[in-house]
N, C-alpha and C. Protein backbone atom coordinates (compact mmCIF):
# COMPACT_ATOMS: atom_id res chain seq x y z
N UNK A 1 0.85 -1.18 0.00
CA UNK A 1 0.00 0.00 0.00
C UNK A 1 0.90 1.24 0.00
N UNK A 2 0.61 2.18 -0.88
CA UNK A 2 1.41 3.42 -0.95
C UNK A 2 1.11 4.30 0.27
N UNK A 3 1.98 5.24 0.49
CA UNK A 3 1.79 6.19 1.59
C UNK A 3 0.46 6.93 1.41
N UNK A 4 0.14 7.32 0.20
CA UNK A 4 -1.09 8.08 -0.04
C UNK A 4 -2.32 7.20 0.16
N UNK A 5 -2.23 5.91 -0.20
CA UNK A 5 -3.34 4.99 0.07
C UNK A 5 -3.55 4.85 1.58
N UNK A 6 -2.45 4.76 2.32
CA UNK A 6 -2.53 4.63 3.78
C UNK A 6 -3.18 5.88 4.38
N UNK A 7 -2.80 7.05 3.89
CA UNK A 7 -3.41 8.29 4.38
C UNK A 7 -4.91 8.30 4.12
N UNK A 8 -5.31 7.85 2.93
CA UNK A 8 -6.73 7.79 2.59
C UNK A 8 -7.46 6.83 3.53
N UNK A 9 -6.86 5.67 3.76
CA UNK A 9 -7.44 4.68 4.67
C UNK A 9 -7.63 5.27 6.07
N UNK A 10 -6.67 6.08 6.50
CA UNK A 10 -6.74 6.71 7.83
C UNK A 10 -7.64 7.94 7.86
N UNK A 11 -8.16 8.35 6.69
CA UNK A 11 -9.02 9.52 6.62
C UNK A 11 -8.27 10.83 6.78
N UNK A 12 -6.99 10.82 6.38
CA UNK A 12 -6.14 12.00 6.52
C UNK A 12 -5.97 12.70 5.19
N UNK A 13 -6.28 14.00 5.16
CA UNK A 13 -6.01 14.86 4.01
C UNK A 13 -4.83 15.74 4.38
N UNK A 14 -3.89 15.87 3.46
CA UNK A 14 -2.71 16.68 3.74
C UNK A 14 -3.05 18.16 3.66
N UNK A 15 -2.68 18.90 4.69
CA UNK A 15 -2.94 20.34 4.69
C UNK A 15 -1.88 21.07 3.87
N UNK A 16 -2.16 22.30 3.47
CA UNK A 16 -1.13 23.10 2.79
C UNK A 16 -0.04 23.50 3.79
N UNK A 17 1.08 23.90 3.25
CA UNK A 17 2.18 24.36 4.10
C UNK A 17 1.76 25.67 4.76
N UNK A 18 1.95 25.73 6.07
CA UNK A 18 1.60 26.94 6.81
C UNK A 18 2.58 28.06 6.49
N UNK A 19 2.08 29.27 6.47
CA UNK A 19 2.94 30.44 6.27
C UNK A 19 3.75 30.67 7.54
N UNK A 20 5.07 30.81 7.43
CA UNK A 20 5.89 31.04 8.62
C UNK A 20 5.44 32.30 9.38
N UNK A 21 5.47 32.19 10.71
CA UNK A 21 5.03 33.29 11.57
C UNK A 21 6.19 34.21 11.95
N UNK A 22 7.39 33.91 11.48
CA UNK A 22 8.56 34.72 11.82
C UNK A 22 9.57 34.60 10.68
N UNK A 23 10.84 34.94 10.95
CA UNK A 23 11.88 34.97 9.92
C UNK A 23 12.54 33.60 9.75
N UNK A 24 11.83 32.70 9.09
CA UNK A 24 12.36 31.37 8.78
C UNK A 24 11.61 30.80 7.58
N UNK A 25 12.09 29.68 7.06
CA UNK A 25 11.41 28.99 5.96
C UNK A 25 10.84 27.68 6.49
N UNK A 26 9.81 27.14 5.85
CA UNK A 26 9.18 25.92 6.35
C UNK A 26 10.08 24.69 6.31
N UNK A 27 11.01 24.66 5.35
CA UNK A 27 11.90 23.51 5.24
C UNK A 27 13.15 23.91 4.48
N UNK A 28 14.21 23.12 4.69
CA UNK A 28 15.47 23.28 3.97
C UNK A 28 15.95 21.88 3.61
N UNK A 29 16.38 21.73 2.36
CA UNK A 29 16.96 20.46 1.94
C UNK A 29 18.45 20.65 1.71
N UNK A 30 19.24 19.71 2.22
CA UNK A 30 20.66 19.68 1.94
C UNK A 30 21.00 18.23 1.64
N UNK A 31 21.51 17.99 0.46
CA UNK A 31 21.74 16.61 0.04
C UNK A 31 20.42 15.86 0.03
N UNK A 32 20.40 14.70 0.66
CA UNK A 32 19.18 13.89 0.72
C UNK A 32 18.37 14.12 1.99
N UNK A 33 18.83 15.05 2.83
CA UNK A 33 18.11 15.32 4.07
C UNK A 33 17.22 16.55 3.93
N UNK A 34 16.02 16.46 4.48
CA UNK A 34 15.09 17.58 4.54
C UNK A 34 14.83 17.87 6.01
N UNK A 35 15.04 19.14 6.39
CA UNK A 35 14.81 19.60 7.75
C UNK A 35 13.53 20.43 7.74
N UNK A 36 12.51 19.99 8.49
CA UNK A 36 11.27 20.76 8.58
C UNK A 36 11.31 21.61 9.84
N UNK A 37 10.99 22.89 9.69
CA UNK A 37 10.92 23.78 10.84
C UNK A 37 9.85 23.30 11.80
N UNK A 38 9.94 23.75 13.04
CA UNK A 38 8.95 23.37 14.03
C UNK A 38 7.55 23.78 13.62
N UNK A 39 6.61 22.87 13.83
CA UNK A 39 5.19 23.12 13.58
C UNK A 39 4.50 23.09 14.94
N UNK A 40 3.66 24.08 15.21
CA UNK A 40 2.94 24.09 16.48
C UNK A 40 1.60 23.38 16.32
N UNK A 41 1.08 22.93 17.45
CA UNK A 41 -0.23 22.28 17.46
C UNK A 41 -1.31 23.29 17.09
N UNK A 42 -2.22 22.85 16.23
CA UNK A 42 -3.35 23.68 15.84
C UNK A 42 -4.63 22.86 15.99
N UNK A 43 -5.68 23.57 16.40
CA UNK A 43 -7.00 22.95 16.56
C UNK A 43 -8.00 23.92 15.96
N UNK A 44 -8.78 23.46 15.02
CA UNK A 44 -9.76 24.30 14.33
C UNK A 44 -9.09 25.51 13.68
N UNK A 45 -7.86 25.31 13.17
CA UNK A 45 -7.14 26.36 12.45
C UNK A 45 -6.44 27.39 13.31
N UNK A 46 -6.53 27.25 14.62
CA UNK A 46 -5.91 28.20 15.53
C UNK A 46 -4.91 27.46 16.43
N UNK A 47 -3.93 28.19 16.99
CA UNK A 47 -3.01 27.52 17.90
C UNK A 47 -3.75 26.76 19.00
N UNK A 48 -3.32 25.52 19.23
CA UNK A 48 -3.89 24.68 20.29
C UNK A 48 -3.14 25.06 21.56
N UNK A 49 -3.71 25.96 22.32
CA UNK A 49 -3.00 26.56 23.45
C UNK A 49 -3.24 25.79 24.74
N UNK A 50 -2.29 25.93 25.63
CA UNK A 50 -2.41 25.33 26.94
C UNK A 50 -1.10 24.72 27.39
N UNK A 51 -1.12 24.26 28.61
CA UNK A 51 0.08 23.71 29.21
C UNK A 51 -0.24 22.32 29.76
N UNK A 52 0.60 21.36 29.40
CA UNK A 52 0.44 20.01 29.91
C UNK A 52 0.70 20.02 31.41
N UNK A 53 -0.20 19.38 32.14
CA UNK A 53 -0.10 19.38 33.60
C UNK A 53 -0.88 20.50 34.24
N UNK A 54 -1.43 21.40 33.44
CA UNK A 54 -2.25 22.52 33.95
C UNK A 54 -3.38 22.78 32.97
N UNK A 55 -4.35 21.90 32.97
CA UNK A 55 -5.50 22.08 32.08
C UNK A 55 -5.50 21.16 30.87
N UNK A 56 -4.35 20.65 30.47
CA UNK A 56 -4.27 19.70 29.37
C UNK A 56 -3.61 18.44 29.89
N UNK A 57 -4.27 17.30 29.64
CA UNK A 57 -3.72 16.02 30.07
C UNK A 57 -2.92 15.34 28.97
N UNK A 58 -2.31 14.24 29.32
CA UNK A 58 -1.45 13.50 28.39
C UNK A 58 -2.19 13.07 27.13
N UNK A 59 -3.41 12.56 27.28
CA UNK A 59 -4.15 12.09 26.10
C UNK A 59 -4.45 13.22 25.12
N UNK A 60 -4.84 14.39 25.63
CA UNK A 60 -5.09 15.53 24.74
C UNK A 60 -3.79 16.01 24.11
N UNK A 61 -2.71 16.01 24.87
CA UNK A 61 -1.41 16.37 24.31
C UNK A 61 -0.99 15.42 23.21
N UNK A 62 -1.29 14.15 23.39
CA UNK A 62 -0.98 13.15 22.36
C UNK A 62 -1.78 13.44 21.08
N UNK A 63 -3.04 13.83 21.23
CA UNK A 63 -3.85 14.21 20.07
C UNK A 63 -3.26 15.43 19.37
N UNK A 64 -2.76 16.39 20.16
CA UNK A 64 -2.14 17.58 19.58
C UNK A 64 -0.88 17.19 18.79
N UNK A 65 -0.08 16.30 19.34
CA UNK A 65 1.14 15.84 18.64
C UNK A 65 0.78 15.11 17.35
N UNK A 66 -0.29 14.35 17.36
CA UNK A 66 -0.73 13.66 16.14
C UNK A 66 -1.17 14.69 15.09
N UNK A 67 -1.88 15.72 15.52
CA UNK A 67 -2.30 16.78 14.60
C UNK A 67 -1.08 17.47 13.98
N UNK A 68 -0.05 17.68 14.77
CA UNK A 68 1.18 18.27 14.24
C UNK A 68 1.80 17.34 13.21
N UNK A 69 1.81 16.04 13.48
CA UNK A 69 2.39 15.08 12.55
C UNK A 69 1.70 15.16 11.19
N UNK A 70 0.40 15.37 11.19
CA UNK A 70 -0.33 15.52 9.92
C UNK A 70 0.13 16.78 9.20
N UNK A 71 0.29 17.88 9.94
CA UNK A 71 0.80 19.11 9.33
C UNK A 71 2.23 18.90 8.79
N UNK A 72 3.06 18.20 9.55
CA UNK A 72 4.42 17.91 9.09
C UNK A 72 4.40 17.09 7.79
N UNK A 73 3.48 16.14 7.69
CA UNK A 73 3.37 15.35 6.46
C UNK A 73 3.00 16.23 5.27
N UNK A 74 2.14 17.22 5.49
CA UNK A 74 1.79 18.16 4.42
C UNK A 74 3.00 18.94 3.96
N UNK A 75 3.82 19.39 4.89
CA UNK A 75 5.03 20.13 4.54
C UNK A 75 6.05 19.21 3.87
N UNK A 76 6.18 18.00 4.38
CA UNK A 76 7.13 17.04 3.79
C UNK A 76 6.73 16.67 2.38
N UNK A 77 5.43 16.57 2.13
CA UNK A 77 4.93 16.29 0.78
C UNK A 77 5.40 17.38 -0.19
N UNK A 78 5.29 18.63 0.20
CA UNK A 78 5.73 19.74 -0.65
C UNK A 78 7.25 19.74 -0.79
N UNK A 79 7.95 19.54 0.31
CA UNK A 79 9.42 19.57 0.29
C UNK A 79 9.99 18.47 -0.59
N UNK A 80 9.42 17.27 -0.51
CA UNK A 80 9.95 16.12 -1.25
C UNK A 80 9.37 16.01 -2.66
N UNK A 81 8.23 16.64 -2.89
CA UNK A 81 7.54 16.48 -4.17
C UNK A 81 6.60 15.29 -4.15
N UNK A 82 6.85 14.34 -3.26
CA UNK A 82 6.01 13.16 -3.08
C UNK A 82 6.46 12.45 -1.80
N UNK A 83 5.51 12.02 -1.00
CA UNK A 83 5.86 11.26 0.20
C UNK A 83 6.44 9.90 -0.15
N UNK A 84 6.21 9.45 -1.38
CA UNK A 84 6.79 8.18 -1.82
C UNK A 84 8.31 8.27 -1.96
N UNK A 85 8.86 9.47 -1.97
CA UNK A 85 10.31 9.66 -2.05
C UNK A 85 10.99 9.59 -0.69
N UNK A 86 10.20 9.50 0.38
CA UNK A 86 10.77 9.46 1.73
C UNK A 86 11.40 8.09 1.96
N UNK A 87 12.69 8.09 2.21
CA UNK A 87 13.43 6.85 2.48
C UNK A 87 13.41 6.52 3.96
N UNK A 88 13.41 7.57 4.80
CA UNK A 88 13.43 7.35 6.24
C UNK A 88 13.02 8.62 6.98
N UNK A 89 12.20 8.47 7.99
CA UNK A 89 12.00 9.55 8.95
C UNK A 89 13.17 9.39 9.91
N UNK A 90 14.05 10.37 9.94
CA UNK A 90 15.29 10.25 10.69
C UNK A 90 15.09 10.62 12.16
N UNK A 91 14.46 11.79 12.40
CA UNK A 91 14.34 12.26 13.77
C UNK A 91 13.17 13.22 13.94
N UNK A 92 12.53 13.11 15.11
CA UNK A 92 11.55 14.10 15.55
C UNK A 92 12.10 14.75 16.81
N UNK A 93 11.90 16.06 16.93
CA UNK A 93 12.20 16.74 18.18
C UNK A 93 10.91 17.43 18.63
N UNK A 94 10.50 17.12 19.83
CA UNK A 94 9.23 17.59 20.36
C UNK A 94 9.45 18.49 21.57
N UNK A 95 8.79 19.63 21.56
CA UNK A 95 8.79 20.56 22.69
C UNK A 95 7.38 20.57 23.26
N UNK A 96 7.26 20.25 24.54
CA UNK A 96 5.96 20.16 25.18
C UNK A 96 5.86 21.25 26.24
N UNK A 97 4.92 22.17 26.04
CA UNK A 97 4.66 23.24 26.98
C UNK A 97 4.09 22.60 28.25
N UNK A 98 4.89 22.52 29.31
CA UNK A 98 4.45 21.77 30.46
C UNK A 98 4.89 22.40 31.79
N UNK A 99 4.15 22.03 32.82
CA UNK A 99 4.48 22.49 34.16
C UNK A 99 5.76 21.78 34.63
N UNK A 100 6.42 22.33 35.64
CA UNK A 100 7.65 21.69 36.14
C UNK A 100 7.43 20.26 36.66
N UNK A 101 6.22 19.93 37.07
CA UNK A 101 5.96 18.59 37.61
C UNK A 101 5.46 17.59 36.58
N UNK A 102 5.15 18.05 35.36
CA UNK A 102 4.67 17.15 34.31
C UNK A 102 5.86 16.37 33.74
N UNK A 103 5.75 15.05 33.69
CA UNK A 103 6.88 14.21 33.26
C UNK A 103 6.53 13.24 32.14
N UNK A 104 5.44 13.49 31.43
CA UNK A 104 5.02 12.55 30.38
C UNK A 104 5.18 13.11 28.98
N UNK A 105 6.21 13.95 28.78
CA UNK A 105 6.48 14.52 27.45
C UNK A 105 6.66 13.40 26.42
N UNK A 106 7.31 12.32 26.81
CA UNK A 106 7.55 11.19 25.91
C UNK A 106 6.24 10.55 25.45
N UNK A 107 5.26 10.50 26.32
CA UNK A 107 3.97 9.91 25.95
C UNK A 107 3.18 10.84 25.04
N UNK A 108 3.27 12.14 25.30
CA UNK A 108 2.64 13.13 24.41
C UNK A 108 3.20 12.98 23.00
N UNK A 109 4.52 12.91 22.90
CA UNK A 109 5.19 12.85 21.61
C UNK A 109 4.87 11.57 20.85
N UNK A 110 4.46 10.53 21.56
CA UNK A 110 4.05 9.30 20.88
C UNK A 110 2.94 9.54 19.87
N UNK A 111 2.14 10.58 20.08
CA UNK A 111 1.08 10.89 19.11
C UNK A 111 1.62 11.11 17.72
N UNK A 112 2.78 11.75 17.61
CA UNK A 112 3.42 11.98 16.31
C UNK A 112 4.20 10.75 15.87
N UNK A 113 4.96 10.17 16.77
CA UNK A 113 5.79 9.02 16.42
C UNK A 113 4.96 7.84 15.92
N UNK A 114 3.87 7.56 16.60
CA UNK A 114 3.03 6.44 16.21
C UNK A 114 2.41 6.65 14.83
N UNK A 115 2.02 7.90 14.54
CA UNK A 115 1.44 8.17 13.22
C UNK A 115 2.49 7.98 12.11
N UNK A 116 3.72 8.43 12.34
CA UNK A 116 4.77 8.25 11.32
C UNK A 116 4.99 6.78 11.02
N UNK A 117 5.04 5.95 12.06
CA UNK A 117 5.22 4.51 11.85
C UNK A 117 4.01 3.89 11.17
N UNK A 118 2.83 4.38 11.48
CA UNK A 118 1.61 3.85 10.87
C UNK A 118 1.53 4.21 9.38
N UNK A 119 1.89 5.44 9.05
CA UNK A 119 1.81 5.91 7.66
C UNK A 119 2.90 5.30 6.79
N UNK A 120 4.14 5.30 7.28
CA UNK A 120 5.26 4.86 6.46
C UNK A 120 5.66 3.41 6.70
N UNK A 121 5.14 2.79 7.75
CA UNK A 121 5.58 1.46 8.14
C UNK A 121 6.79 1.59 9.06
N UNK A 122 7.07 0.55 9.84
CA UNK A 122 8.14 0.64 10.84
C UNK A 122 9.55 0.83 10.27
N UNK A 123 9.82 0.31 9.09
CA UNK A 123 11.18 0.43 8.54
C UNK A 123 11.50 1.86 8.12
N UNK A 124 10.53 2.59 7.66
CA UNK A 124 10.74 3.98 7.21
C UNK A 124 10.31 4.97 8.30
N UNK A 125 9.23 4.67 8.99
CA UNK A 125 8.65 5.63 9.92
C UNK A 125 9.24 5.64 11.31
N UNK A 126 9.93 4.56 11.73
CA UNK A 126 10.57 4.55 13.05
C UNK A 126 11.77 5.49 13.01
N UNK A 127 12.00 6.20 14.10
CA UNK A 127 12.97 7.29 14.06
C UNK A 127 13.61 7.52 15.42
N UNK A 128 14.70 8.25 15.41
CA UNK A 128 15.29 8.77 16.65
C UNK A 128 14.41 9.92 17.10
N UNK A 129 14.47 10.24 18.41
CA UNK A 129 13.55 11.24 18.91
C UNK A 129 14.04 11.88 20.18
N UNK A 130 13.65 13.13 20.38
CA UNK A 130 13.84 13.83 21.64
C UNK A 130 12.50 14.45 22.02
N UNK A 131 12.20 14.45 23.32
CA UNK A 131 10.98 15.07 23.81
C UNK A 131 11.35 15.88 25.06
N UNK A 132 11.12 17.18 24.98
CA UNK A 132 11.51 18.10 26.05
C UNK A 132 10.30 18.79 26.64
N UNK A 133 10.36 19.04 27.92
CA UNK A 133 9.39 19.92 28.57
C UNK A 133 9.95 21.32 28.56
N UNK A 134 9.14 22.29 28.16
CA UNK A 134 9.58 23.68 28.09
C UNK A 134 8.56 24.57 28.80
N UNK A 135 9.01 25.76 29.18
CA UNK A 135 8.16 26.70 29.92
C UNK A 135 7.12 27.38 29.04
N UNK A 136 7.41 27.53 27.75
CA UNK A 136 6.46 28.19 26.85
C UNK A 136 6.84 27.90 25.41
N UNK A 137 5.85 27.97 24.54
CA UNK A 137 6.01 27.78 23.10
C UNK A 137 5.34 28.97 22.42
N UNK A 138 5.82 29.41 21.26
CA UNK A 138 5.19 30.55 20.59
C UNK A 138 3.66 30.43 20.51
N UNK A 139 3.02 31.55 20.71
CA UNK A 139 1.56 31.69 20.65
C UNK A 139 0.84 30.86 21.70
N UNK A 140 1.59 30.39 22.70
CA UNK A 140 0.98 29.61 23.78
C UNK A 140 0.62 28.19 23.42
N UNK A 141 1.12 27.71 22.26
CA UNK A 141 0.79 26.36 21.81
C UNK A 141 1.24 25.32 22.84
N UNK A 142 0.53 24.21 22.88
CA UNK A 142 0.85 23.17 23.86
C UNK A 142 2.01 22.28 23.42
N UNK A 143 2.21 22.12 22.11
CA UNK A 143 3.28 21.25 21.59
C UNK A 143 3.83 21.85 20.31
N UNK A 144 5.13 21.68 20.09
CA UNK A 144 5.78 22.03 18.82
C UNK A 144 6.71 20.87 18.46
N UNK A 145 6.71 20.50 17.17
CA UNK A 145 7.54 19.38 16.72
C UNK A 145 8.23 19.76 15.42
N UNK A 146 9.51 19.38 15.32
CA UNK A 146 10.26 19.51 14.05
C UNK A 146 10.68 18.12 13.61
N UNK A 147 11.04 18.00 12.33
CA UNK A 147 11.30 16.68 11.75
C UNK A 147 12.47 16.74 10.78
N UNK A 148 13.23 15.67 10.73
CA UNK A 148 14.27 15.47 9.74
C UNK A 148 13.95 14.18 8.99
N UNK A 149 13.98 14.24 7.66
CA UNK A 149 13.71 13.08 6.83
C UNK A 149 14.79 12.91 5.78
N UNK A 150 15.02 11.67 5.38
CA UNK A 150 15.95 11.36 4.29
C UNK A 150 15.12 10.99 3.07
N UNK A 151 15.52 11.54 1.93
CA UNK A 151 14.83 11.24 0.68
C UNK A 151 15.64 10.24 -0.15
N UNK A 152 14.95 9.48 -0.94
CA UNK A 152 15.62 8.49 -1.81
C UNK A 152 16.35 9.18 -2.94
């Protein structure tokens, strides 16, 4: 099954690339690597705001991370020209807006990691990863994730 068939099966439509909110570009390619800038969580087209451990629980944070993964796939589609050219999801870095006592950043980030493995399969979609708790994210978003992918 192709990546696009899998997306259809999952009921996922790729969104357009978001316009950068500051002085950066959505992605940069060097050699066979594509670096996607951080994407913040969005809900109903607006920043998904809040702080994990203070009003947002792990399950909702995981949903936010999954929503970001879908946005990242839309950007990767444009960057690569086709998701079928993706040889490997190399790394995800996740920033979770969380209280000092919240310690489940890794579980929140699973929302994105699990979707990558589901869409691309474990050989392509499994990746290295970092998940950090931070005091704040631009626009008050609850999660921000960036991605590195290798193209064929």
